[in-house]
Amino acid sequence: MRKPAKLIAAASTVAMLLGSTALVPSTAVAASAEMGKKIAEDRKAGNCFACHSYEGAHLPGNIGPPLVAMKARFPDKSKLRQWIADPTKTNPDTMMPPFGKHNILTEEEIDHVTEWVYTL
């Protein structure tokens, strides 16, 4: 095989491998979001639907705002995560529990819930 042909073959292989690994992050995000939904709907953990409505919620509450258009409301995902972890930093009078500060959820669970809420 001539050098240009080897180079093209090697480049094609690298492109194929990079393309296949590009699917991993989105799969990991989807899995994290699915775990977040389970945590959010667990009455002993997040229990988000006790206060919030969202598509698919069973008997949702109306104390908190509906969980819709979350990417538009929180373009910076880290601010959404901060809000879930400790909303009292932004609004000391909020009724939302500080899930991180009060150790209601672990840091990892907050990450999962943030991924799920960001899909709404």
PDB file of N, CA and C in Angstrom:
ATOM      1  N   MET A   1       0.857  -1.172   0.000  1.00  0.00           N
ATOM      2  CA  MET A   1       0.000   0.000   0.000  1.00  0.00           C
ATOM      3  C   MET A   1       0.901   1.232   0.000  1.00  0.00           C
ATOM      4  N   ARG A   2       0.548   2.178  -0.813  1.00  0.00           N
ATOM      5  CA  ARG A   2       1.323   3.407  -0.866  1.00  0.00           C
ATOM      6  C   ARG A   2       1.043   4.246   0.367  1.00  0.00           C
ATOM      7  N   LYS A   3       1.933   5.159   0.678  1.00  0.00           N
ATOM      8  CA  LYS A   3       1.807   5.989   1.875  1.00  0.00           C
ATOM      9  C   LYS A   3       0.503   6.777   1.900  1.00  0.00           C
ATOM     10  N   PRO A   4       0.075   7.463   0.823  1.00  0.00           N
ATOM     11  CA  PRO A   4      -1.199   8.199   0.881  1.00  0.00           C
ATOM     12  C   PRO A   4      -2.381   7.284   1.180  1.00  0.00           C
ATOM     13  N   ALA A   5      -2.386   6.082   0.628  1.00  0.00           N
ATOM     14  CA  ALA A   5      -3.481   5.144   0.878  1.00  0.00           C
ATOM     15  C   ALA A   5      -3.496   4.716   2.346  1.00  0.00           C
ATOM     16  N   LYS A   6      -2.289   4.471   2.912  1.00  0.00           N
ATOM     17  CA  LYS A   6      -2.198   4.109   4.333  1.00  0.00           C
ATOM     18  C   LYS A   6      -2.693   5.258   5.212  1.00  0.00           C
ATOM     19  N   LEU A   7      -2.329   6.459   4.819  1.00  0.00           N
ATOM     20  CA  LEU A   7      -2.735   7.631   5.573  1.00  0.00           C
ATOM     21  C   LEU A   7      -4.252   7.798   5.557  1.00  0.00           C
ATOM     22  N   ILE A   8      -4.849   7.598   4.401  1.00  0.00           N
ATOM     23  CA  ILE A   8      -6.308   7.702   4.271  1.00  0.00           C
ATOM     24  C   ILE A   8      -6.986   6.606   5.086  1.00  0.00           C
ATOM     25  N   ALA A   9      -6.439   5.396   5.011  1.00  0.00           N
ATOM     26  CA  ALA A   9      -7.015   4.288   5.779  1.00  0.00           C
ATOM     27  C   ALA A   9      -6.931   4.560   7.278  1.00  0.00           C
ATOM     28  N   ALA A  10      -5.794   5.068   7.718  1.00  0.00           N
ATOM     29  CA  ALA A  10      -5.622   5.386   9.141  1.00  0.00           C
ATOM     30  C   ALA A  10      -6.569   6.501   9.561  1.00  0.00           C
ATOM     31  N   ALA A  11      -6.702   7.516   8.735  1.00  0.00           N
ATOM     32  CA  ALA A  11      -7.608   8.628   9.046  1.00  0.00           C
ATOM     33  C   ALA A  11      -9.052   8.153   9.104  1.00  0.00           C
ATOM     34  N   SER A  12      -9.421   7.252   8.208  1.00  0.00           N
ATOM     35  CA  SER A  12     -10.784   6.711   8.213  1.00  0.00           C
ATOM     36  C   SER A  12     -11.056   5.926   9.492  1.00  0.00           C
ATOM     37  N   THR A  13     -10.068   5.148   9.914  1.00  0.00           N
ATOM     38  CA  THR A  13     -10.212   4.370  11.145  1.00  0.00           C
ATOM     39  C   THR A  13     -10.367   5.286  12.358  1.00  0.00           C
ATOM     40  N   VAL A  14      -9.546   6.317  12.417  1.00  0.00           N
ATOM     41  CA  VAL A  14      -9.637   7.272  13.529  1.00  0.00           C
ATOM     42  C   VAL A  14     -10.991   7.958  13.526  1.00  0.00           C
ATOM     43  N   ALA A  15     -11.456   8.384  12.368  1.00  0.00           N
ATOM     44  CA  ALA A  15     -12.758   9.058  12.268  1.00  0.00           C
ATOM     45  C   ALA A  15     -13.877   8.128  12.713  1.00  0.00           C
ATOM     46  N   MET A  16     -13.791   6.867  12.317  1.00  0.00           N
ATOM     47  CA  MET A  16     -14.815   5.903  12.706  1.00  0.00           C
ATOM     48  C   MET A  16     -14.814   5.697  14.222  1.00  0.00           C
ATOM     49  N   LEU A  17     -13.619   5.557  14.796  1.00  0.00           N
ATOM     50  CA  LEU A  17     -13.533   5.371  16.245  1.00  0.00           C
ATOM     51  C   LEU A  17     -14.035   6.599  16.994  1.00  0.00           C
ATOM     52  N   LEU A  18     -13.678   7.775  16.538  1.00  0.00           N
ATOM     53  CA  LEU A  18     -14.153   8.995  17.194  1.00  0.00           C
ATOM     54  C   LEU A  18     -15.661   9.123  17.072  1.00  0.00           C
ATOM     55  N   GLY A  19     -16.197   8.750  15.939  1.00  0.00           N
ATOM     56  CA  GLY A  19     -17.646   8.804  15.744  1.00  0.00           C
ATOM     57  C   GLY A  19     -18.381   7.878  16.682  1.00  0.00           C
ATOM     58  N   SER A  20     -17.822   6.686  16.907  1.00  0.00           N
ATOM     59  CA  SER A  20     -18.493   5.741  17.795  1.00  0.00           C
ATOM     60  C   SER A  20     -18.403   6.172  19.251  1.00  0.00           C
ATOM     61  N   THR A  21     -17.311   6.839  19.639  1.00  0.00           N
ATOM     62  CA  THR A  21     -17.207   7.275  21.023  1.00  0.00           C
ATOM     63  C   THR A  21     -18.037   8.522  21.272  1.00  0.00           C
ATOM     64  N   ALA A  22     -18.438   9.219  20.224  1.00  0.00           N
ATOM     65  CA  ALA A  22     -19.281  10.399  20.404  1.00  0.00           C
ATOM     66  C   ALA A  22     -20.645  10.007  20.951  1.00  0.00           C
ATOM     67  N   LEU A  23     -21.032   8.749  20.770  1.00  0.00           N
ATOM     68  CA  LEU A  23     -22.322   8.290  21.276  1.00  0.00           C
ATOM     69  C   LEU A  23     -22.288   8.049  22.775  1.00  0.00           C
ATOM     70  N   VAL A  24     -21.130   7.778  23.322  1.00  0.00           N
ATOM     71  CA  VAL A  24     -21.014   7.447  24.746  1.00  0.00           C
ATOM     72  C   VAL A  24     -21.507   8.575  25.644  1.00  0.00           C
ATOM     73  N   PRO A  25     -21.068   9.824  25.457  1.00  0.00           N
ATOM     74  CA  PRO A  25     -21.543  10.872  26.355  1.00  0.00           C
ATOM     75  C   PRO A  25     -23.066  11.038  26.333  1.00  0.00           C
ATOM     76  N   SER A  26     -23.688  10.986  25.161  1.00  0.00           N
ATOM     77  CA  SER A  26     -25.136  11.168  25.120  1.00  0.00           C
ATOM     78  C   SER A  26     -25.849   9.994  25.786  1.00  0.00           C
ATOM     79  N   THR A  27     -25.295   8.801  25.659  1.00  0.00           N
ATOM     80  CA  THR A  27     -25.872   7.633  26.322  1.00  0.00           C
ATOM     81  C   THR A  27     -25.726   7.772  27.836  1.00  0.00           C
ATOM     82  N   ALA A  28     -24.572   8.250  28.270  1.00  0.00           N
ATOM     83  CA  ALA A  28     -24.352   8.439  29.705  1.00  0.00           C
ATOM     84  C   ALA A  28     -25.285   9.508  30.252  1.00  0.00           C
ATOM     85  N   VAL A  29     -25.491  10.575  29.501  1.00  0.00           N
ATOM     86  CA  VAL A  29     -26.404  11.649  29.932  1.00  0.00           C
ATOM     87  C   VAL A  29     -27.825  11.109  30.017  1.00  0.00           C
ATOM     88  N   ALA A  30     -28.231  10.312  29.031  1.00  0.00           N
ATOM     89  CA  ALA A  30     -29.578   9.739  29.041  1.00  0.00           C
ATOM     90  C   ALA A  30     -29.766   8.811  30.237  1.00  0.00           C
ATOM     91  N   ALA A  31     -28.753   8.012  30.538  1.00  0.00           N
ATOM     92  CA  ALA A  31     -28.836   7.112  31.693  1.00  0.00           C
ATOM     93  C   ALA A  31     -28.900   7.905  32.989  1.00  0.00           C
ATOM     94  N   SER A  32     -28.123   8.971  33.057  1.00  0.00           N
ATOM     95  CA  SER A  32     -28.136   9.830  34.243  1.00  0.00           C
ATOM     96  C   SER A  32     -29.503  10.485  34.412  1.00  0.00           C
ATOM     97  N   ALA A  33     -30.072  10.955  33.305  1.00  0.00           N
ATOM     98  CA  ALA A  33     -31.392  11.586  33.360  1.00  0.00           C
ATOM     99  C   ALA A  33     -32.462  10.583  33.796  1.00  0.00           C
ATOM    100  N   GLU A  34     -32.367   9.354  33.314  1.00  0.00           N
ATOM    101  CA  GLU A  34     -33.327   8.323  33.715  1.00  0.00           C
ATOM    102  C   GLU A  34     -33.215   8.031  35.215  1.00  0.00           C
ATOM    103  N   MET A  35     -31.987   7.968  35.724  1.00  0.00           N
ATOM    104  CA  MET A  35     -31.772   7.776  37.161  1.00  0.00           C
ATOM    105  C   MET A  35     -32.335   8.970  37.925  1.00  0.00           C
ATOM    106  N   GLY A  36     -32.121  10.174  37.386  1.00  0.00           N
ATOM    107  CA  GLY A  36     -32.639  11.383  38.017  1.00  0.00           C
ATOM    108  C   GLY A  36     -34.151  11.383  38.124  1.00  0.00           C
ATOM    109  N   LYS A  37     -34.812  10.886  37.093  1.00  0.00           N
ATOM    110  CA  LYS A  37     -36.282  10.801  37.134  1.00  0.00           C
ATOM    111  C   LYS A  37     -36.733   9.865  38.252  1.00  0.00           C
ATOM    112  N   LYS A  38     -36.044   8.746  38.385  1.00  0.00           N
ATOM    113  CA  LYS A  38     -36.392   7.793  39.455  1.00  0.00           C
ATOM    114  C   LYS A  38     -36.201   8.435  40.831  1.00  0.00           C
ATOM    115  N   ILE A  39     -35.113   9.163  40.995  1.00  0.00           N
ATOM    116  CA  ILE A  39     -34.855   9.839  42.270  1.00  0.00           C
ATOM    117  C   ILE A  39     -35.913  10.913  42.520  1.00  0.00           C
ATOM    118  N   ALA A  40     -36.207  11.684  41.486  1.00  0.00           N
ATOM    119  CA  ALA A  40     -37.176  12.782  41.601  1.00  0.00           C
ATOM    120  C   ALA A  40     -38.565  12.273  41.965  1.00  0.00           C
ATOM    121  N   GLU A  41     -38.913  11.099  41.467  1.00  0.00           N
ATOM    122  CA  GLU A  41     -40.248  10.555  41.722  1.00  0.00           C
ATOM    123  C   GLU A  41     -40.307   9.655  42.955  1.00  0.00           C
ATOM    124  N   ASP A  42     -39.194   9.434  43.590  1.00  0.00           N
ATOM    125  CA  ASP A  42     -39.142   8.620  44.806  1.00  0.00           C
ATOM    126  C   ASP A  42     -39.647   9.466  45.979  1.00  0.00           C
ATOM    127  N   ARG A  43     -40.702   9.031  46.610  1.00  0.00           N
ATOM    128  CA  ARG A  43     -41.293   9.802  47.711  1.00  0.00           C
ATOM    129  C   ARG A  43     -40.344   9.952  48.902  1.00  0.00           C
ATOM    130  N   LYS A  44     -39.361   9.082  49.025  1.00  0.00           N
ATOM    131  CA  LYS A  44     -38.412   9.173  50.135  1.00  0.00           C
ATOM    132  C   LYS A  44     -37.146   9.920  49.739  1.00  0.00           C
ATOM    133  N   ALA A  45     -37.073  10.383  48.506  1.00  0.00           N
ATOM    134  CA  ALA A  45     -35.866  11.094  48.038  1.00  0.00           C
ATOM    135  C   ALA A  45     -36.285  12.473  47.525  1.00  0.00           C
ATOM    136  N   GLY A  46     -36.324  12.626  46.201  1.00  0.00           N
ATOM    137  CA  GLY A  46     -36.625  13.932  45.619  1.00  0.00           C
ATOM    138  C   GLY A  46     -38.064  14.375  45.825  1.00  0.00           C
ATOM    139  N   ASN A  47     -38.999  13.471  45.510  1.00  0.00           N
ATOM    140  CA  ASN A  47     -40.429  13.751  45.668  1.00  0.00           C
ATOM    141  C   ASN A  47     -40.836  15.057  44.973  1.00  0.00           C
ATOM    142  N   CYS A  48     -40.254  15.310  43.804  1.00  0.00           N
ATOM    143  CA  CYS A  48     -40.466  16.578  43.100  1.00  0.00           C
ATOM    144  C   CYS A  48     -41.931  16.849  42.764  1.00  0.00           C
ATOM    145  N   PHE A  49     -42.668  15.781  42.402  1.00  0.00           N
ATOM    146  CA  PHE A  49     -44.050  16.008  41.987  1.00  0.00           C
ATOM    147  C   PHE A  49     -44.978  16.351  43.157  1.00  0.00           C
ATOM    148  N   ALA A  50     -44.471  16.309  44.372  1.00  0.00           N
ATOM    149  CA  ALA A  50     -45.288  16.760  45.501  1.00  0.00           C
ATOM    150  C   ALA A  50     -45.569  18.261  45.379  1.00  0.00           C
ATOM    151  N   CYS A  51     -44.641  18.983  44.752  1.00  0.00           N
ATOM    152  CA  CYS A  51     -44.776  20.438  44.613  1.00  0.00           C
ATOM    153  C   CYS A  51     -44.864  20.906  43.167  1.00  0.00           C
ATOM    154  N   HIS A  52     -44.286  20.147  42.245  1.00  0.00           N
ATOM    155  CA  HIS A  52     -44.195  20.568  40.848  1.00  0.00           C
ATOM    156  C   HIS A  52     -45.021  19.674  39.945  1.00  0.00           C
ATOM    157  N   SER A  53     -45.535  20.269  38.883  1.00  0.00           N
ATOM    158  CA  SER A  53     -46.148  19.466  37.830  1.00  0.00           C
ATOM    159  C   SER A  53     -45.167  19.383  36.670  1.00  0.00           C
ATOM    160  N   TYR A  54     -45.234  18.293  35.941  1.00  0.00           N
ATOM    161  CA  TYR A  54     -44.443  18.079  34.741  1.00  0.00           C
ATOM    162  C   TYR A  54     -45.126  16.981  33.955  1.00  0.00           C
ATOM    163  N   GLU A  55     -44.812  16.905  32.688  1.00  0.00           N
ATOM    164  CA  GLU A  55     -45.462  15.917  31.838  1.00  0.00           C
ATOM    165  C   GLU A  55     -45.232  14.517  32.375  1.00  0.00           C
ATOM    166  N   GLY A  56     -46.316  13.801  32.612  1.00  0.00           N
ATOM    167  CA  GLY A  56     -46.232  12.443  33.121  1.00  0.00           C
ATOM    168  C   GLY A  56     -46.303  12.317  34.632  1.00  0.00           C
ATOM    169  N   ALA A  57     -46.345  13.424  35.345  1.00  0.00           N
ATOM    170  CA  ALA A  57     -46.406  13.363  36.814  1.00  0.00           C
ATOM    171  C   ALA A  57     -47.765  12.835  37.254  1.00  0.00           C
ATOM    172  N   HIS A  58     -47.754  11.951  38.236  1.00  0.00           N
ATOM    173  CA  HIS A  58     -48.984  11.391  38.785  1.00  0.00           C
ATOM    174  C   HIS A  58     -49.409  12.218  39.994  1.00  0.00           C
ATOM    175  N   LEU A  59     -50.568  12.839  39.907  1.00  0.00           N
ATOM    176  CA  LEU A  59     -51.109  13.699  40.956  1.00  0.00           C
ATOM    177  C   LEU A  59     -50.104  14.774  41.390  1.00  0.00           C
ATOM    178  N   PRO A  60     -49.673  15.619  40.455  1.00  0.00           N
ATOM    179  CA  PRO A  60     -48.660  16.621  40.791  1.00  0.00           C
ATOM    180  C   PRO A  60     -49.192  17.727  41.679  1.00  0.00           C
ATOM    181  N   GLY A  61     -48.286  18.336  42.409  1.00  0.00           N
ATOM    182  CA  GLY A  61     -48.621  19.483  43.239  1.00  0.00           C
ATOM    183  C   GLY A  61     -48.570  20.769  42.439  1.00  0.00           C
ATOM    184  N   ASN A  62     -48.962  21.861  43.085  1.00  0.00           N
ATOM    185  CA  ASN A  62     -48.929  23.156  42.401  1.00  0.00           C
ATOM    186  C   ASN A  62     -48.307  24.244  43.286  1.00  0.00           C
ATOM    187  N   ILE A  63     -47.549  23.847  44.281  1.00  0.00           N
ATOM    188  CA  ILE A  63     -46.871  24.815  45.149  1.00  0.00           C
ATOM    189  C   ILE A  63     -45.716  25.467  44.395  1.00  0.00           C
ATOM    190  N   GLY A  64     -44.938  24.644  43.691  1.00  0.00           N
ATOM    191  CA  GLY A  64     -43.811  25.138  42.906  1.00  0.00           C
ATOM    192  C   GLY A  64     -44.226  25.332  41.463  1.00  0.00           C
ATOM    193  N   PRO A  65     -43.396  26.011  40.691  1.00  0.00           N
ATOM    194  CA  PRO A  65     -43.723  26.221  39.273  1.00  0.00           C
ATOM    195  C   PRO A  65     -43.657  24.910  38.501  1.00  0.00           C
ATOM    196  N   PRO A  66     -44.397  24.826  37.400  1.00  0.00           N
ATOM    197  CA  PRO A  66     -44.309  23.613  36.583  1.00  0.00           C
ATOM    198  C   PRO A  66     -42.897  23.459  36.002  1.00  0.00           C
ATOM    199  N   LEU A  67     -42.464  22.239  35.885  1.00  0.00           N
ATOM    200  CA  LEU A  67     -41.141  21.961  35.340  1.00  0.00           C
ATOM    201  C   LEU A  67     -41.274  21.804  33.822  1.00  0.00           C
ATOM    202  N   VAL A  68     -41.236  22.930  33.140  1.00  0.00           N
ATOM    203  CA  VAL A  68     -41.314  22.977  31.681  1.00  0.00           C
ATOM    204  C   VAL A  68     -40.282  23.974  31.167  1.00  0.00           C
ATOM    205  N   ALA A  69     -39.836  23.768  29.951  1.00  0.00           N
ATOM    206  CA  ALA A  69     -38.890  24.670  29.290  1.00  0.00           C
ATOM    207  C   ALA A  69     -37.683  24.969  30.185  1.00  0.00           C
ATOM    208  N   MET A  70     -37.148  23.947  30.795  1.00  0.00           N
ATOM    209  CA  MET A  70     -36.074  24.159  31.771  1.00  0.00           C
ATOM    210  C   MET A  70     -34.780  24.674  31.135  1.00  0.00           C
ATOM    211  N   LYS A  71     -34.476  24.255  29.904  1.00  0.00           N
ATOM    212  CA  LYS A  71     -33.272  24.775  29.236  1.00  0.00           C
ATOM    213  C   LYS A  71     -33.419  26.263  28.952  1.00  0.00           C
ATOM    214  N   ALA A  72     -34.634  26.695  28.649  1.00  0.00           N
ATOM    215  CA  ALA A  72     -34.856  28.129  28.403  1.00  0.00           C
ATOM    216  C   ALA A  72     -34.806  28.907  29.715  1.00  0.00           C
ATOM    217  N   ARG A  73     -35.323  28.327  30.777  1.00  0.00           N
ATOM    218  CA  ARG A  73     -35.338  29.005  32.071  1.00  0.00           C
ATOM    219  C   ARG A  73     -33.966  29.005  32.738  1.00  0.00           C
ATOM    220  N   PHE A  74     -33.187  27.960  32.485  1.00  0.00           N
ATOM    221  CA  PHE A  74     -31.844  27.832  33.059  1.00  0.00           C
ATOM    222  C   PHE A  74     -30.860  27.494  31.937  1.00  0.00           C
ATOM    223  N   PRO A  75     -30.492  28.480  31.113  1.00  0.00           N
ATOM    224  CA  PRO A  75     -29.533  28.184  30.036  1.00  0.00           C
ATOM    225  C   PRO A  75     -28.205  27.649  30.571  1.00  0.00           C
ATOM    226  N   ASP A  76     -27.849  28.039  31.771  1.00  0.00           N
ATOM    227  CA  ASP A  76     -26.629  27.552  32.415  1.00  0.00           C
ATOM    228  C   ASP A  76     -27.025  26.413  33.355  1.00  0.00           C
ATOM    229  N   LYS A  77     -26.715  25.185  32.937  1.00  0.00           N
ATOM    230  CA  LYS A  77     -27.122  24.008  33.717  1.00  0.00           C
ATOM    231  C   LYS A  77     -26.566  24.039  35.135  1.00  0.00           C
ATOM    232  N   SER A  78     -25.405  24.657  35.330  1.00  0.00           N
ATOM    233  CA  SER A  78     -24.820  24.703  36.671  1.00  0.00           C
ATOM    234  C   SER A  78     -25.684  25.542  37.622  1.00  0.00           C
ATOM    235  N   LYS A  79     -26.369  26.550  37.096  1.00  0.00           N
ATOM    236  CA  LYS A  79     -27.269  27.344  37.943  1.00  0.00           C
ATOM    237  C   LYS A  79     -28.501  26.536  38.341  1.00  0.00           C
ATOM    238  N   LEU A  80     -28.980  25.699  37.452  1.00  0.00           N
ATOM    239  CA  LEU A  80     -30.088  24.803  37.788  1.00  0.00           C
ATOM    240  C   LEU A  80     -29.644  23.835  38.882  1.00  0.00           C
ATOM    241  N   ARG A  81     -28.447  23.280  38.721  1.00  0.00           N
ATOM    242  CA  ARG A  81     -27.939  22.360  39.741  1.00  0.00           C
ATOM    243  C   ARG A  81     -27.796  23.053  41.086  1.00  0.00           C
ATOM    244  N   GLN A  82     -27.288  24.272  41.063  1.00  0.00           N
ATOM    245  CA  GLN A  82     -27.134  25.045  42.296  1.00  0.00           C
ATOM    246  C   GLN A  82     -28.499  25.296  42.940  1.00  0.00           C
ATOM    247  N   TRP A  83     -29.500  25.581  42.122  1.00  0.00           N
ATOM    248  CA  TRP A  83     -30.849  25.818  42.628  1.00  0.00           C
ATOM    249  C   TRP A  83     -31.392  24.568  43.323  1.00  0.00           C
ATOM    250  N   ILE A  84     -31.193  23.398  42.706  1.00  0.00           N
ATOM    251  CA  ILE A  84     -31.678  22.148  43.303  1.00  0.00           C
ATOM    252  C   ILE A  84     -30.909  21.842  44.594  1.00  0.00           C
ATOM    253  N   ALA A  85     -29.609  22.045  44.575  1.00  0.00           N
ATOM    254  CA  ALA A  85     -28.778  21.735  45.745  1.00  0.00           C
ATOM    255  C   ALA A  85     -29.082  22.651  46.921  1.00  0.00           C
ATOM    256  N   ASP A  86     -29.211  23.961  46.657  1.00  0.00           N
ATOM    257  CA  ASP A  86     -29.487  24.906  47.740  1.00  0.00           C
ATOM    258  C   ASP A  86     -30.140  26.175  47.197  1.00  0.00           C
ATOM    259  N   PRO A  87     -31.458  26.145  47.023  1.00  0.00           N
ATOM    260  CA  PRO A  87     -32.160  27.314  46.495  1.00  0.00           C
ATOM    261  C   PRO A  87     -32.142  28.509  47.448  1.00  0.00           C
ATOM    262  N   THR A  88     -31.819  28.265  48.722  1.00  0.00           N
ATOM    263  CA  THR A  88     -31.803  29.379  49.675  1.00  0.00           C
ATOM    264  C   THR A  88     -30.653  30.346  49.408  1.00  0.00           C
ATOM    265  N   LYS A  89     -29.649  29.916  48.644  1.00  0.00           N
ATOM    266  CA  LYS A  89     -28.561  30.831  48.281  1.00  0.00           C
ATOM    267  C   LYS A  89     -29.060  31.943  47.366  1.00  0.00           C
ATOM    268  N   THR A  90     -30.015  31.603  46.504  1.00  0.00           N
ATOM    269  CA  THR A  90     -30.575  32.574  45.570  1.00  0.00           C
ATOM    270  C   THR A  90     -31.791  33.273  46.160  1.00  0.00           C
ATOM    271  N   ASN A  91     -32.624  32.507  46.862  1.00  0.00           N
ATOM    272  CA  ASN A  91     -33.857  33.048  47.443  1.00  0.00           C
ATOM    273  C   ASN A  91     -34.016  32.499  48.866  1.00  0.00           C
ATOM    274  N   PRO A  92     -33.612  33.264  49.870  1.00  0.00           N
ATOM    275  CA  PRO A  92     -33.698  32.778  51.255  1.00  0.00           C
ATOM    276  C   PRO A  92     -35.125  32.463  51.710  1.00  0.00           C
ATOM    277  N   ASP A  93     -36.122  32.998  51.017  1.00  0.00           N
ATOM    278  CA  ASP A  93     -37.516  32.786  51.414  1.00  0.00           C
ATOM    279  C   ASP A  93     -38.196  31.657  50.648  1.00  0.00           C
ATOM    280  N   THR A  94     -37.452  30.923  49.845  1.00  0.00           N
ATOM    281  CA  THR A  94     -38.058  29.862  49.045  1.00  0.00           C
ATOM    282  C   THR A  94     -38.628  28.761  49.931  1.00  0.00           C
ATOM    283  N   MET A  95     -39.656  28.104  49.415  1.00  0.00           N
ATOM    284  CA  MET A  95     -40.239  26.962  50.113  1.00  0.00           C
ATOM    285  C   MET A  95     -39.565  25.658  49.698  1.00  0.00           C
ATOM    286  N   MET A  96     -38.754  25.732  48.642  1.00  0.00           N
ATOM    287  CA  MET A  96     -38.092  24.526  48.144  1.00  0.00           C
ATOM    288  C   MET A  96     -36.997  24.099  49.119  1.00  0.00           C
ATOM    289  N   PRO A  97     -36.980  22.811  49.463  1.00  0.00           N
ATOM    290  CA  PRO A  97     -35.942  22.342  50.396  1.00  0.00           C
ATOM    291  C   PRO A  97     -34.565  22.366  49.746  1.00  0.00           C
ATOM    292  N   PRO A  98     -33.544  22.703  50.505  1.00  0.00           N
ATOM    293  CA  PRO A  98     -32.169  22.645  49.997  1.00  0.00           C
ATOM    294  C   PRO A  98     -31.672  21.196  50.040  1.00  0.00           C
ATOM    295  N   PHE A  99     -31.861  20.485  48.936  1.00  0.00           N
ATOM    296  CA  PHE A  99     -31.596  19.050  48.898  1.00  0.00           C
ATOM    297  C   PHE A  99     -30.154  18.690  49.225  1.00  0.00           C
ATOM    298  N   GLY A 100     -29.222  19.545  48.859  1.00  0.00           N
ATOM    299  CA  GLY A 100     -27.815  19.270  49.165  1.00  0.00           C
ATOM    300  C   GLY A 100     -27.439  19.696  50.569  1.00  0.00           C
ATOM    301  N   LYS A 101     -27.780  20.918  50.908  1.00  0.00           N
ATOM    302  CA  LYS A 101     -27.415  21.471  52.223  1.00  0.00           C
ATOM    303  C   LYS A 101     -27.976  20.646  53.372  1.00  0.00           C
ATOM    304  N   HIS A 102     -29.154  20.104  53.203  1.00  0.00           N
ATOM    305  CA  HIS A 102     -29.789  19.306  54.258  1.00  0.00           C
ATOM    306  C   HIS A 102     -29.551  17.811  54.076  1.00  0.00           C
ATOM    307  N   ASN A 103     -28.669  17.463  53.137  1.00  0.00           N
ATOM    308  CA  ASN A 103     -28.321  16.059  52.884  1.00  0.00           C
ATOM    309  C   ASN A 103     -29.535  15.185  52.575  1.00  0.00           C
ATOM    310  N   ILE A 104     -30.507  15.771  51.898  1.00  0.00           N
ATOM    311  CA  ILE A 104     -31.670  14.999  51.452  1.00  0.00           C
ATOM    312  C   ILE A 104     -31.239  14.110  50.286  1.00  0.00           C
ATOM    313  N   LEU A 105     -30.418  14.682  49.398  1.00  0.00           N
ATOM    314  CA  LEU A 105     -29.853  13.949  48.267  1.00  0.00           C
ATOM    315  C   LEU A 105     -28.332  14.077  48.305  1.00  0.00           C
ATOM    316  N   THR A 106     -27.653  13.065  47.789  1.00  0.00           N
ATOM    317  CA  THR A 106     -26.203  13.132  47.673  1.00  0.00           C
ATOM    318  C   THR A 106     -25.833  14.029  46.489  1.00  0.00           C
ATOM    319  N   GLU A 107     -24.581  14.382  46.392  1.00  0.00           N
ATOM    320  CA  GLU A 107     -24.105  15.189  45.264  1.00  0.00           C
ATOM    321  C   GLU A 107     -24.371  14.463  43.944  1.00  0.00           C
ATOM    322  N   GLU A 108     -24.139  13.167  43.923  1.00  0.00           N
ATOM    323  CA  GLU A 108     -24.384  12.373  42.713  1.00  0.00           C
ATOM    324  C   GLU A 108     -25.868  12.349  42.362  1.00  0.00           C
ATOM    325  N   GLU A 109     -26.728  12.202  43.353  1.00  0.00           N
ATOM    326  CA  GLU A 109     -28.170  12.213  43.098  1.00  0.00           C
ATOM    327  C   GLU A 109     -28.613  13.575  42.559  1.00  0.00           C
ATOM    328  N   ILE A 110     -28.054  14.641  43.089  1.00  0.00           N
ATOM    329  CA  ILE A 110     -28.380  15.980  42.593  1.00  0.00           C
ATOM    330  C   ILE A 110     -27.955  16.114  41.133  1.00  0.00           C
ATOM    331  N   ASP A 111     -26.798  15.560  40.788  1.00  0.00           N
ATOM    332  CA  ASP A 111     -26.352  15.571  39.393  1.00  0.00           C
ATOM    333  C   ASP A 111     -27.360  14.853  38.500  1.00  0.00           C
ATOM    334  N   HIS A 112     -27.834  13.696  38.936  1.00  0.00           N
ATOM    335  CA  HIS A 112     -28.807  12.930  38.149  1.00  0.00           C
ATOM    336  C   HIS A 112     -30.125  13.693  38.011  1.00  0.00           C
ATOM    337  N   VAL A 113     -30.615  14.248  39.097  1.00  0.00           N
ATOM    338  CA  VAL A 113     -31.873  14.997  39.037  1.00  0.00           C
ATOM    339  C   VAL A 113     -31.718  16.208  38.121  1.00  0.00           C
ATOM    340  N   THR A 114     -30.585  16.865  38.190  1.00  0.00           N
ATOM    341  CA  THR A 114     -30.334  18.013  37.325  1.00  0.00           C
ATOM    342  C   THR A 114     -30.393  17.587  35.863  1.00  0.00           C
ATOM    343  N   GLU A 115     -29.780  16.462  35.516  1.00  0.00           N
ATOM    344  CA  GLU A 115     -29.825  15.979  34.139  1.00  0.00           C
ATOM    345  C   GLU A 115     -31.252  15.717  33.704  1.00  0.00           C
ATOM    346  N   TRP A 116     -32.050  15.114  34.582  1.00  0.00           N
ATOM    347  CA  TRP A 116     -33.440  14.817  34.225  1.00  0.00           C
ATOM    348  C   TRP A 116     -34.251  16.103  34.070  1.00  0.00           C
ATOM    349  N   VAL A 117     -34.163  17.004  35.040  1.00  0.00           N
ATOM    350  CA  VAL A 117     -34.936  18.243  34.968  1.00  0.00           C
ATOM    351  C   VAL A 117     -34.560  19.019  33.711  1.00  0.00           C
ATOM    352  N   TYR A 118     -33.318  18.947  33.315  1.00  0.00           N
ATOM    353  CA  TYR A 118     -32.860  19.684  32.132  1.00  0.00           C
ATOM    354  C   TYR A 118     -33.465  19.124  30.838  1.00  0.00           C
ATOM    355  N   THR A 119     -34.025  17.913  30.899  1.00  0.00           N
ATOM    356  CA  THR A 119     -34.685  17.354  29.708  1.00  0.00           C
ATOM    357  C   THR A 119     -36.121  17.834  29.585  1.00  0.00           C
ATOM    358  N   LEU A 120     -36.647  18.457  30.604  1.00  0.00           N
ATOM    359  CA  LEU A 120     -38.061  18.866  30.601  1.00  0.00           C
ATOM    360  C   LEU A 120     -38.260  20.203  29.901  1.00  0.00           C
TER     361      LEU A 120
END
